[in-house]
Protein backbone atom coordinates (compact mmCIF):
# COMPACT_ATOMS: atom_id res chain seq x y z
CA UNK A 1 0.00 0.00 0.00
CA UNK A 2 1.20 3.50 -0.83
CA UNK A 3 0.00 7.01 -1.54
CA UNK A 4 0.71 8.40 -5.00
CA UNK A 5 0.10 11.79 -6.59
CA UNK A 6 -2.56 11.22 -9.25
CA UNK A 7 -3.72 14.35 -11.08
CA UNK A 8 -2.67 16.32 -8.00
CA UNK A 9 -4.75 14.14 -5.66
CA UNK A 10 -3.26 11.90 -2.97
CA UNK A 11 -4.52 8.49 -4.04
CA UNK A 12 -4.13 5.49 -1.72
CA UNK A 13 -3.38 2.41 -3.81
CA UNK A 14 -2.32 -1.22 -3.37
CA UNK A 15 -4.02 -4.46 -2.41
CA UNK A 16 -7.64 -3.87 -1.48
CA UNK A 17 -7.38 -5.86 1.75
CA UNK A 18 -4.36 -3.83 2.90
CA UNK A 19 -6.04 -0.51 2.15
CA UNK A 20 -9.25 -1.50 3.92
CA UNK A 21 -7.33 -2.75 6.95
CA UNK A 22 -5.55 0.59 7.10
CA UNK A 23 -8.90 2.40 7.09
CA UNK A 24 -10.12 0.19 9.96
CA UNK A 25 -6.91 0.92 11.89
CA UNK A 26 -7.50 4.65 11.47
CA UNK A 27 -10.96 4.24 12.98
CA UNK A 28 -9.66 2.17 15.89
CA UNK A 29 -6.86 4.69 16.46
CA UNK A 30 -9.45 7.41 16.91
CA UNK A 31 -8.67 9.30 13.70
CA UNK A 32 -11.77 10.94 12.28
CA UNK A 33 -11.79 9.59 8.76
CA UNK A 34 -13.22 10.83 5.47
CA UNK A 35 -13.09 8.41 2.51
CA UNK A 36 -13.60 9.39 -1.12
CA UNK A 37 -14.08 6.64 -3.72
CA UNK A 38 -12.49 8.08 -6.84
CA UNK A 39 -13.96 7.34 -10.25
CA UNK A 40 -13.89 9.16 -13.59
CA UNK A 41 -16.93 11.27 -12.74
CA UNK A 42 -15.44 12.52 -9.48
CA UNK A 43 -12.05 13.21 -11.06
CA UNK A 44 -13.57 15.20 -13.94
CA UNK A 45 -15.56 17.29 -11.49
CA UNK A 46 -12.42 18.10 -9.47
CA UNK A 47 -10.88 19.44 -12.68
CA UNK A 48 -13.68 21.96 -13.29
CA UNK A 49 -14.95 22.72 -9.77
CA UNK A 50 -12.30 24.20 -7.46
CA UNK A 51 -14.58 24.07 -4.41
CA UNK A 52 -15.32 20.39 -4.91
CA UNK A 53 -11.63 19.71 -5.49
CA UNK A 54 -10.83 21.34 -2.15
CA UNK A 55 -13.31 19.01 -0.48
CA UNK A 56 -11.84 15.88 -2.08
CA UNK A 57 -8.33 16.99 -1.10
CA UNK A 58 -9.48 17.02 2.55
CA UNK A 59 -10.20 13.28 2.48
CA UNK A 60 -8.00 11.04 4.61
CA UNK A 61 -8.27 8.31 1.98
CA UNK A 62 -8.95 8.69 -1.73
CA UNK A 63 -9.24 5.16 -3.10
CA UNK A 64 -9.38 3.94 -6.76
CA UNK A 65 -13.03 2.99 -7.14
CA UNK A 66 -13.38 3.25 -10.93
CA UNK A 67 -11.75 0.92 -13.45
CA UNK A 68 -10.88 4.04 -15.44
CA UNK A 69 -8.68 5.24 -12.56
CA UNK A 70 -6.83 1.90 -12.44
CA UNK A 71 -6.41 2.01 -16.24
CA UNK A 72 -5.02 5.56 -16.24
CA UNK A 73 -2.49 4.70 -13.54
CA UNK A 74 -1.28 1.68 -15.47
CA UNK A 75 -1.21 3.36 -18.89
CA UNK A 76 0.33 6.71 -18.01
CA UNK A 77 2.36 5.94 -14.90
CA UNK A 78 3.01 2.19 -15.10
CA UNK A 79 1.53 1.89 -11.60
CA UNK A 80 -0.50 -1.18 -10.70
CA UNK A 81 -3.20 -1.23 -8.05
CA UNK A 82 -6.29 -3.19 -7.13
CA UNK A 83 -9.59 -1.56 -7.86
CA UNK A 84 -11.16 -0.78 -4.47
CA UNK A 85 -14.86 -0.28 -5.06
CA UNK A 86 -17.04 1.86 -2.85
CA UNK A 87 -19.85 -0.64 -2.34
CA UNK A 88 -17.46 -3.47 -1.47
CA UNK A 89 -15.59 -1.20 0.94
CA UNK A 90 -18.88 -0.24 2.56
CA UNK A 91 -19.89 -3.90 2.96
CA UNK A 92 -16.43 -4.73 4.33
CA UNK A 93 -16.76 -1.98 6.93
CA UNK A 94 -20.24 -3.24 7.80
CA UNK A 95 -18.74 -6.67 8.51
CA UNK A 96 -16.12 -5.00 10.68
CA UNK A 97 -18.91 -3.10 12.41
CA UNK A 98 -20.28 -6.44 13.61
CA UNK A 99 -16.82 -7.47 14.84
CA UNK A 100 -16.15 -4.22 16.70
CA UNK A 101 -19.76 -3.47 17.67
CA UNK A 102 -19.77 -0.21 15.70
CA UNK A 103 -22.97 1.71 15.17
CA UNK A 104 -23.87 2.50 11.55
CA UNK A 105 -26.04 5.27 10.08
CA UNK A 106 -27.31 5.45 6.49
CA UNK A 107 -28.11 8.79 4.89
CA UNK A 108 -29.40 9.29 1.36
CA UNK A 109 -31.57 7.94 -1.44
CA UNK A 110 -35.37 7.69 -1.33
CA UNK A 111 -37.11 6.73 1.91
CA UNK A 112 -38.21 3.27 0.76
CA UNK A 113 -34.75 2.49 -0.63
CA UNK A 114 -32.72 3.48 2.43
CA UNK A 115 -35.31 1.83 4.69
CA UNK A 116 -34.99 -1.48 2.82
CA UNK A 117 -31.18 -1.21 2.76
CA UNK A 118 -31.18 -0.70 6.53
CA UNK A 119 -33.53 -3.67 6.98
CA UNK A 120 -31.34 -6.01 4.92
CA UNK A 121 -28.14 -4.95 6.69
CA UNK A 122 -29.83 -5.46 10.06
CA UNK A 123 -30.79 -8.97 8.95
CA UNK A 124 -27.06 -9.55 8.39
CA UNK A 125 -26.38 -8.50 11.98
CA UNK A 126 -25.17 -4.97 11.28
CA UNK A 127 -26.11 -2.47 14.01
CA UNK A 128 -27.95 0.10 11.90
CA UNK A 129 -28.94 2.67 14.52
CA UNK A 130 -30.69 5.02 12.12
CA UNK A 131 -31.31 6.13 8.56
CA UNK A 132 -32.74 9.11 6.71
CA UNK A 133 -33.60 9.90 3.11
CA UNK A 134 -31.48 12.26 1.03
CA UNK A 135 -34.15 14.78 0.02
CA UNK A 136 -34.25 17.02 3.08
CA UNK A 137 -33.80 20.76 2.77
CA UNK A 138 -31.08 22.89 4.33
CA UNK A 139 -33.55 23.98 6.99
CA UNK A 140 -34.43 20.40 7.91
CA UNK A 141 -32.14 19.51 10.80
CA UNK A 142 -33.71 16.14 11.60
CA UNK A 143 -30.84 13.95 10.29
CA UNK A 144 -28.22 16.19 11.90
CA UNK A 145 -29.95 16.07 15.26
CA UNK A 146 -30.40 12.31 15.01
CA UNK A 147 -26.76 11.69 14.07
CA UNK A 148 -25.70 14.02 16.89
CA UNK A 149 -27.73 11.96 19.37
CA UNK A 150 -26.85 8.48 18.06
CA UNK A 151 -23.10 9.07 17.58
CA UNK A 152 -22.54 6.33 14.97
CA UNK A 153 -19.04 5.12 14.26
CA UNK A 154 -19.79 4.74 10.54
CA UNK A 155 -21.78 7.20 8.44
CA UNK A 156 -22.51 6.21 4.85
CA UNK A 157 -23.90 8.98 2.63
CA UNK A 158 -25.59 8.01 -0.63
CA UNK A 159 -26.54 11.28 -2.29
CA UNK A 160 -24.51 11.07 -5.47
CA UNK A 161 -21.63 13.25 -6.66
CA UNK A 162 -20.95 16.01 -5.66
CA UNK A 163 -23.67 16.38 -3.02
CA UNK A 164 -22.53 13.53 -0.77
CA UNK A 165 -18.93 14.73 -0.40
CA UNK A 166 -20.06 18.33 0.05
CA UNK A 167 -22.48 17.25 2.78
CA UNK A 168 -19.81 15.29 4.64
CA UNK A 169 -17.38 18.22 4.41
CA UNK A 170 -19.95 20.74 5.65
CA UNK A 171 -21.03 18.49 8.53
CA UNK A 172 -17.69 17.05 9.56
CA UNK A 173 -18.33 18.34 13.08
CA UNK A 174 -20.87 15.56 13.65
CA UNK A 175 -19.83 12.77 16.07
CA UNK A 176 -18.89 9.95 13.69
CA UNK A 177 -15.57 8.15 13.24
CA UNK A 178 -15.79 7.53 9.50
CA UNK A 179 -17.87 9.09 6.74
CA UNK A 180 -17.90 7.91 3.15
CA UNK A 181 -19.93 8.79 0.07
CA UNK A 182 -21.37 5.60 -1.39
CA UNK A 183 -23.33 6.81 -4.44
CA UNK A 184 -26.02 4.33 -5.43
CA UNK A 185 -24.95 1.57 -3.03
CA UNK A 186 -28.23 1.73 -1.11
CA UNK A 187 -30.09 0.94 -4.34
CA UNK A 188 -28.03 -2.22 -4.80
CA UNK A 189 -28.13 -3.31 -1.15
CA UNK A 190 -31.90 -2.78 -1.01
CA UNK A 191 -32.41 -4.81 -4.19
CA UNK A 192 -33.93 -1.82 -6.00
CA UNK A 193 -31.23 -2.06 -8.66
CA UNK A 194 -28.91 -4.86 -9.65
CA UNK A 195 -25.17 -4.59 -9.64
CA UNK A 196 -23.49 -5.05 -13.00
CA UNK A 197 -23.03 -8.75 -13.87
CA UNK A 198 -19.49 -10.15 -13.81
CA UNK A 199 -19.24 -9.88 -17.61
CA UNK A 200 -19.72 -6.11 -17.51
CA UNK A 201 -17.28 -5.84 -14.60
CA UNK A 202 -14.59 -7.85 -16.38
CA UNK A 203 -15.04 -5.80 -19.56
CA UNK A 204 -14.88 -2.59 -17.49
CA UNK A 205 -18.36 -1.65 -18.68
CA UNK A 206 -20.12 -1.16 -15.35
CA UNK A 207 -20.78 2.45 -16.36
CA UNK A 208 -22.62 1.18 -19.44
CA UNK A 209 -24.76 -1.16 -17.35
CA UNK A 210 -25.66 1.69 -14.96
CA UNK A 211 -26.52 3.87 -17.93
CA UNK A 212 -28.80 1.15 -19.36
CA UNK A 213 -30.70 1.04 -16.05
CA UNK A 214 -31.36 4.81 -16.05
CA UNK A 215 -30.51 6.24 -19.49
CA UNK A 216 -32.30 9.55 -18.96
CA UNK A 217 -31.11 10.22 -15.40
CA UNK A 218 -27.56 9.17 -16.28
CA UNK A 219 -27.43 10.65 -19.77
CA UNK A 220 -24.24 12.51 -18.82
CA UNK A 221 -22.24 9.31 -18.25
CA UNK A 222 -21.35 8.45 -21.90
CA UNK A 223 -20.15 12.01 -22.47
CA UNK A 224 -18.03 11.88 -19.32
CA UNK A 225 -16.50 8.55 -20.34
CA UNK A 226 -15.53 9.91 -23.78
CA UNK A 227 -14.02 13.05 -22.25
CA UNK A 228 -12.14 11.08 -19.59
CA UNK A 229 -10.76 8.60 -22.13
CA UNK A 230 -9.58 11.46 -24.36
CA UNK A 231 -7.77 13.15 -21.45
CA UNK A 232 -6.08 9.91 -20.41
CA UNK A 233 -4.93 9.10 -23.95
CA UNK A 234 -3.47 12.60 -24.27
CA UNK A 235 -1.64 12.15 -20.96
CA UNK A 236 -3.59 14.93 -19.25
CA UNK A 237 -4.70 12.58 -16.48
CA UNK A 238 -1.77 10.76 -14.88
């Protein structure tokens, strides 16, 4: 495991098990931890949005979630790393939550989705102490007050990019030990949406599978992929 400078971001790379163990050690050592799961979409936004870039730079761990990140490292820097996906890291930390008796809070998505995700994780023995949907207004302090009272060790925020990272950054004062943006993970965990089959994963086409599920909502994805690929091939992302 090591930290490398990737497009001016401090990216933690290596074997996925080693990286995840290091994150767990940070929690157990009492370090308040912010994890960003870097993919092409997040990286492109950091290149055009200076405020968002500042937020990502504040993360304790930026991990290579997207296959495009792993590809760019290999192609332009000859650096090899495991792909460390956000949903698998979340599920790993949930397993550790059972081992260490950590409390877990889920924030984001629609009410029925996050409710079902919480139910399924509880059935697996995870101590989900609370959850709240991701459509509250700035004047709605209910989730903040609840998190303040419950003091969960793990806070998973599934609001999508860039809202989830911005929310974590703006509310870092809350009493959690780790916060991580998890995108659409609640949809998968709840069974609302399926994760890309192994074929799509092996062919590095998970983005295409996600686009097929919601072509209108995710109409920006193909354009982002083309732009990202162009920048990598020109050596602008390295």
